[in-house]
Protein backbone atom coordinates (compact mmCIF):
# COMPACT_ATOMS: atom_id res chain seq x y z
CA MET A 1 4.17 19.37 -7.92
CA THR A 2 6.23 18.59 -4.33
CA PRO A 3 8.96 19.42 -4.44
CA PRO A 4 10.79 15.52 -2.99
CA LEU A 5 12.47 15.56 0.38
CA SER A 6 16.03 16.06 1.11
CA ASP A 7 16.06 14.05 4.09
CA ASN A 8 14.60 10.81 5.62
CA ARG A 9 14.66 12.74 8.99
CA ASP A 10 11.79 15.31 7.24
CA ARG A 11 9.65 12.29 5.83
CA ASP A 12 6.08 12.45 6.90
CA PRO A 13 5.57 8.89 8.61
CA GLU A 14 1.98 8.60 7.05
CA LEU A 15 3.79 9.71 3.60
CA VAL A 16 5.95 7.26 4.15
CA ARG A 17 3.15 3.71 5.57
CA LEU A 18 1.32 5.06 2.73
CA GLY A 19 3.54 5.07 -0.11
CA GLU A 20 4.63 1.69 1.03
CA ARG A 21 1.57 0.50 0.99
CA LEU A 22 0.98 1.10 -2.89
CA LYS A 23 4.70 -0.01 -3.62
CA LYS A 24 4.28 -3.67 -1.56
CA THR A 25 0.29 -3.55 -3.41
CA ARG A 26 2.00 -2.81 -7.42
CA ASP A 27 5.10 -5.72 -5.99
CA TYR A 28 2.02 -8.02 -4.78
CA LEU A 29 -0.15 -7.38 -8.71
CA ASN A 30 3.17 -7.79 -10.24
CA MET A 31 2.83 -4.08 -12.22
CA SER A 32 5.77 -1.81 -13.23
CA GLN A 33 5.69 1.37 -12.38
CA GLN A 34 5.38 2.51 -16.05
CA PHE A 35 2.57 -0.07 -15.79
CA VAL A 36 0.99 1.78 -13.57
CA SER A 37 1.17 4.99 -14.93
CA ASP A 38 0.32 3.91 -18.92
CA SER A 39 -2.33 2.95 -16.86
CA THR A 40 -3.21 6.24 -14.42
CA GLY A 41 -2.04 8.69 -16.30
CA ILE A 42 -0.26 9.37 -13.49
CA PRO A 43 4.53 10.20 -14.33
CA ARG A 44 6.54 7.50 -13.77
CA SER A 45 8.60 9.35 -11.62
CA ALA A 46 6.01 10.63 -9.42
CA ILE A 47 5.08 6.95 -8.85
CA SER A 48 8.81 6.20 -7.17
CA ASP A 49 8.39 9.35 -5.68
CA ILE A 50 4.79 8.49 -3.99
CA GLU A 51 6.27 5.02 -3.05
CA ARG A 52 9.50 6.83 -1.26
CA GLY A 53 7.07 9.06 0.30
CA GLU A 54 9.10 11.86 -0.78
CA ARG A 55 5.60 13.03 -2.45
CA ARG A 56 2.14 13.40 -1.86
CA VAL A 57 -0.22 12.13 -3.56
CA ASP A 58 -3.83 13.50 -4.01
CA SER A 59 -6.84 12.54 -3.41
CA LEU A 60 -7.93 11.59 -7.30
CA GLU A 61 -4.39 10.36 -8.10
CA LEU A 62 -4.95 7.77 -4.62
CA LYS A 63 -8.67 6.75 -6.18
CA LYS A 64 -7.04 6.15 -9.20
CA LEU A 65 -4.34 3.75 -7.60
CA ALA A 66 -6.89 1.87 -5.74
CA ARG A 67 -8.92 1.36 -8.41
CA LEU A 68 -6.03 -0.22 -10.88
CA TYR A 69 -4.65 -2.55 -7.93
CA ARG A 70 -8.67 -3.29 -6.90
CA GLN A 71 -8.40 -2.47 -2.89
CA PRO A 72 -10.68 0.94 -1.29
CA VAL A 73 -8.74 3.73 -1.16
CA ALA A 74 -9.30 2.83 3.15
CA TYR A 75 -6.61 0.76 3.03
CA PHE A 76 -3.81 2.25 2.24
CA LEU A 77 -4.93 5.10 4.09
CA ALA A 78 -5.33 3.16 7.87
CA GLU A 79 -4.01 4.15 10.66
CA GLU A 80 -2.57 0.96 11.76
CA LYS A 81 1.31 -0.12 10.46
CA ASP A 82 0.18 -3.10 9.95
CA ALA A 83 -2.95 -2.98 8.26
CA ASP A 84 -4.35 -6.22 5.97
CA ALA A 85 -5.64 -4.88 3.08
CA SER A 86 -8.75 -7.79 3.33
CA GLU A 87 -10.23 -6.11 6.38
CA TYR A 88 -10.78 -3.62 4.48
CA SER A 89 -11.54 -5.86 0.99
CA LEU A 90 -14.72 -7.49 2.74
CA ALA A 91 -16.23 -4.04 4.13
CA GLY A 92 -17.81 -4.19 0.09
CA LEU A 93 -17.94 -8.34 -0.24
CA PRO A 94 -21.69 -8.58 0.89
CA ARG A 95 -23.12 -5.69 -2.00
CA ALA A 96 -20.13 -7.75 -4.18
CA LEU A 97 -22.16 -11.41 -3.73
CA ALA A 98 -25.40 -9.54 -4.07
CA GLN A 99 -25.16 -9.29 -7.53
CA LEU A 100 -24.15 -13.22 -8.42
CA THR A 101 -26.24 -15.86 -9.23
CA ASP A 102 -26.77 -18.97 -6.10
CA GLY A 103 -24.53 -20.78 -8.14
CA ASP A 104 -21.86 -18.50 -8.31
CA ALA A 105 -22.15 -18.02 -4.71
CA ARG A 106 -21.84 -21.56 -3.37
CA THR A 107 -18.53 -21.29 -5.92
CA VAL A 108 -17.25 -17.96 -3.57
CA LEU A 109 -18.25 -19.98 -0.93
CA GLU A 110 -16.23 -22.95 -1.81
CA PHE A 111 -13.38 -21.25 -2.40
CA ALA A 112 -13.26 -19.42 0.66
CA GLU A 113 -13.42 -22.84 2.73
CA TYR A 114 -10.15 -23.93 0.56
CA LEU A 115 -8.38 -20.67 0.90
CA THR A 116 -8.81 -21.45 4.92
CA LEU A 117 -7.84 -25.31 4.79
CA ARG A 118 -5.05 -24.65 3.01
CA ARG A 119 -4.19 -21.79 5.36
CA ALA A 120 -4.99 -24.39 8.62
CA ALA A 121 -2.21 -27.39 6.03
CA GLU A 122 0.53 -24.18 5.74
CA ARG A 123 0.52 -23.78 9.62
CA GLU A 124 0.80 -27.70 10.20
CA ASP A 125 3.35 -27.30 8.38
CA GLN A 126 5.18 -24.85 9.60
CA ASN A 127 4.45 -26.04 13.20
CA ALA A 128 5.71 -29.77 11.85
CA GLU A 129 9.22 -27.90 10.78
CA GLY A 130 9.32 -26.05 14.06
CA GLY A 131 8.82 -22.47 12.17
CA SER A 132 6.72 -19.53 13.30
CA PRO A 133 3.35 -19.63 11.86
CA THR A 134 2.08 -16.38 9.88
CA ALA A 135 -1.10 -14.98 9.47
């Protein structure tokens, strides 16, 4: 086991970025560290250390976390500070769509159109209120 790092200055920026992405995703999915631990077999204290960038993640642990979070491993390892999970998730979309029925594929397309229109409406609302639009 990798010993915890004692000082923030000693933390590897890549470990910090990885930990932040893992925590952000876990929080978004409304999962507790205990739930993640129970689901992956990774000790809860290790999950906490990983999210703080104080512990390295081995490849099998990262694979388990990515599978639980339903995100590609590549998203968590991306070099870009503001990486967008959707950019990495969309890479597998053609393979997933190929397995759908025609009706299911139409439903997915309709939902994508709905999301596009909803996002446009949110931007209009923000512009009308004088706020800056979000991505």
